[in-house]
Amino acid sequence: MKRDLLDILRCPVCRGTLELEATKEEGDEIVEGSLRCASCGEAYAIEDTIPNMLPPSMRD
């Protein structure tokens, strides 16, 4: 995921802003990490550059 995507993404649960915790970066891509909602605290994993933005009730 590109870092500037964070400007448009919002929490699918409460529409709050998301904070990035990157654990692996390659160039300008976030390869692994997580996005955490500043309002409700829900976390969304980033794996292989793809943020999983499914609400908790829809995850495996």
N, C-alpha and C. Protein backbone atom coordinates (compact mmCIF):
# COMPACT_ATOMS: atom_id res chain seq x y z
N MET A 1 0.85 -1.16 0.00
CA MET A 1 0.00 0.00 0.00
C MET A 1 0.90 1.22 0.00
N LYS A 2 0.53 2.19 -0.71
CA LYS A 2 1.25 3.46 -0.73
C LYS A 2 0.86 4.29 0.50
N ARG A 3 1.84 4.97 1.06
CA ARG A 3 1.61 5.76 2.27
C ARG A 3 0.54 6.84 2.06
N ASP A 4 0.47 7.45 0.88
CA ASP A 4 -0.51 8.51 0.66
C ASP A 4 -1.94 8.00 0.56
N LEU A 5 -2.14 6.68 0.46
CA LEU A 5 -3.48 6.11 0.50
C LEU A 5 -4.13 6.34 1.86
N LEU A 6 -3.31 6.52 2.88
CA LEU A 6 -3.80 6.77 4.23
C LEU A 6 -4.67 8.03 4.30
N ASP A 7 -4.45 8.97 3.38
CA ASP A 7 -5.24 10.21 3.36
C ASP A 7 -6.70 9.98 3.02
N ILE A 8 -7.01 8.89 2.29
CA ILE A 8 -8.39 8.67 1.88
C ILE A 8 -9.07 7.50 2.58
N LEU A 9 -8.29 6.61 3.19
CA LEU A 9 -8.89 5.46 3.87
C LEU A 9 -9.50 5.88 5.21
N ARG A 10 -10.63 5.26 5.55
CA ARG A 10 -11.30 5.48 6.83
C ARG A 10 -11.71 4.13 7.39
N CYS A 11 -11.91 4.06 8.67
CA CYS A 11 -12.35 2.84 9.33
C CYS A 11 -13.73 2.45 8.81
N PRO A 12 -13.91 1.21 8.34
CA PRO A 12 -15.22 0.80 7.83
C PRO A 12 -16.27 0.63 8.93
N VAL A 13 -15.84 0.57 10.19
CA VAL A 13 -16.77 0.40 11.30
C VAL A 13 -17.37 1.74 11.73
N CYS A 14 -16.47 2.74 11.96
CA CYS A 14 -16.96 4.02 12.52
C CYS A 14 -16.59 5.24 11.68
N ARG A 15 -15.89 5.04 10.57
CA ARG A 15 -15.44 6.12 9.69
C ARG A 15 -14.37 6.99 10.32
N GLY A 16 -13.70 6.51 11.36
CA GLY A 16 -12.62 7.25 12.00
C GLY A 16 -11.35 7.24 11.17
N THR A 17 -10.39 8.08 11.54
CA THR A 17 -9.11 8.12 10.85
C THR A 17 -8.24 6.95 11.28
N LEU A 18 -7.37 6.54 10.39
CA LEU A 18 -6.52 5.38 10.63
C LEU A 18 -5.07 5.80 10.85
N GLU A 19 -4.41 5.12 11.79
CA GLU A 19 -3.00 5.36 12.07
C GLU A 19 -2.19 4.16 11.58
N LEU A 20 -1.09 4.43 10.91
CA LEU A 20 -0.27 3.40 10.30
C LEU A 20 0.82 2.92 11.25
N GLU A 21 0.98 1.60 11.34
CA GLU A 21 2.10 0.97 12.03
C GLU A 21 2.77 0.06 11.01
N ALA A 22 3.82 0.54 10.36
CA ALA A 22 4.52 -0.23 9.32
C ALA A 22 5.61 -1.08 9.95
N THR A 23 5.62 -2.37 9.63
CA THR A 23 6.68 -3.26 10.11
C THR A 23 7.66 -3.63 9.01
N LYS A 24 7.24 -3.46 7.74
CA LYS A 24 8.14 -3.74 6.62
C LYS A 24 7.79 -2.80 5.47
N GLU A 25 8.79 -2.10 4.97
CA GLU A 25 8.61 -1.19 3.84
C GLU A 25 9.63 -1.50 2.77
N GLU A 26 9.23 -1.30 1.52
CA GLU A 26 10.13 -1.43 0.38
C GLU A 26 9.90 -0.22 -0.51
N GLY A 27 10.86 0.69 -0.50
CA GLY A 27 10.70 1.93 -1.26
C GLY A 27 9.57 2.74 -0.67
N ASP A 28 8.60 3.10 -1.51
CA ASP A 28 7.46 3.89 -1.03
C ASP A 28 6.24 3.01 -0.74
N GLU A 29 6.43 1.69 -0.69
CA GLU A 29 5.33 0.75 -0.41
C GLU A 29 5.41 0.23 1.02
N ILE A 30 4.26 0.17 1.69
CA ILE A 30 4.14 -0.50 2.97
C ILE A 30 3.83 -1.96 2.64
N VAL A 31 4.73 -2.88 2.97
CA VAL A 31 4.55 -4.29 2.63
C VAL A 31 3.79 -5.01 3.73
N GLU A 32 4.15 -4.75 4.98
CA GLU A 32 3.48 -5.37 6.13
C GLU A 32 3.31 -4.35 7.23
N GLY A 33 2.27 -4.55 8.01
CA GLY A 33 1.99 -3.66 9.13
C GLY A 33 0.51 -3.72 9.48
N SER A 34 0.03 -2.62 10.04
CA SER A 34 -1.39 -2.56 10.37
C SER A 34 -1.87 -1.12 10.36
N LEU A 35 -3.18 -1.00 10.23
CA LEU A 35 -3.86 0.28 10.34
C LEU A 35 -4.77 0.19 11.56
N ARG A 36 -4.68 1.16 12.46
CA ARG A 36 -5.51 1.15 13.66
C ARG A 36 -6.36 2.41 13.68
N CYS A 37 -7.65 2.21 13.97
CA CYS A 37 -8.58 3.34 14.04
C CYS A 37 -8.33 4.15 15.30
N ALA A 38 -8.18 5.45 15.12
CA ALA A 38 -7.95 6.34 16.26
C ALA A 38 -9.21 6.49 17.12
N SER A 39 -10.38 6.23 16.54
CA SER A 39 -11.64 6.41 17.28
C SER A 39 -12.08 5.16 18.03
N CYS A 40 -12.22 4.03 17.31
CA CYS A 40 -12.77 2.82 17.94
C CYS A 40 -11.70 1.79 18.30
N GLY A 41 -10.47 1.96 17.80
CA GLY A 41 -9.38 1.06 18.16
C GLY A 41 -9.29 -0.21 17.33
N GLU A 42 -10.18 -0.41 16.38
CA GLU A 42 -10.13 -1.61 15.53
C GLU A 42 -8.87 -1.59 14.68
N ALA A 43 -8.27 -2.76 14.45
CA ALA A 43 -7.03 -2.87 13.67
C ALA A 43 -7.28 -3.65 12.39
N TYR A 44 -6.57 -3.25 11.34
CA TYR A 44 -6.68 -3.87 10.02
C TYR A 44 -5.27 -4.20 9.54
N ALA A 45 -5.02 -5.46 9.23
CA ALA A 45 -3.69 -5.92 8.83
C ALA A 45 -3.36 -5.49 7.40
N ILE A 46 -2.07 -5.24 7.18
CA ILE A 46 -1.53 -5.02 5.84
C ILE A 46 -0.60 -6.19 5.57
N GLU A 47 -0.91 -6.97 4.54
CA GLU A 47 -0.10 -8.13 4.17
C GLU A 47 0.16 -8.09 2.68
N ASP A 48 1.42 -8.25 2.29
CA ASP A 48 1.82 -8.23 0.88
C ASP A 48 1.31 -6.98 0.17
N THR A 49 1.44 -5.84 0.82
CA THR A 49 1.06 -4.49 0.34
C THR A 49 -0.45 -4.25 0.28
N ILE A 50 -1.27 -5.19 0.76
CA ILE A 50 -2.73 -5.04 0.65
C ILE A 50 -3.36 -4.89 2.03
N PRO A 51 -4.03 -3.75 2.28
CA PRO A 51 -4.72 -3.61 3.56
C PRO A 51 -6.04 -4.39 3.55
N ASN A 52 -6.29 -5.18 4.60
CA ASN A 52 -7.53 -5.93 4.72
C ASN A 52 -8.51 -5.04 5.49
N MET A 53 -9.38 -4.39 4.75
CA MET A 53 -10.31 -3.42 5.34
C MET A 53 -11.70 -4.01 5.63
N LEU A 54 -11.80 -5.33 5.69
CA LEU A 54 -13.08 -5.95 6.03
C LEU A 54 -13.42 -5.68 7.50
N PRO A 55 -14.67 -5.37 7.79
CA PRO A 55 -15.08 -5.22 9.19
C PRO A 55 -14.85 -6.55 9.95
N PRO A 56 -14.65 -6.49 11.25
CA PRO A 56 -14.37 -7.69 12.04
C PRO A 56 -15.37 -8.82 11.84
N SER A 57 -16.63 -8.51 11.67
CA SER A 57 -17.67 -9.53 11.51
C SER A 57 -17.57 -10.29 10.17
N MET A 58 -16.82 -9.77 9.22
CA MET A 58 -16.70 -10.38 7.90
C MET A 58 -15.36 -11.08 7.68
N ARG A 59 -14.47 -11.06 8.66
CA ARG A 59 -13.17 -11.72 8.53
C ARG A 59 -13.27 -13.19 8.80
N ASP A 60 -12.28 -13.96 8.32
CA ASP A 60 -12.24 -15.42 8.55
C ASP A 60 -12.08 -15.74 10.01
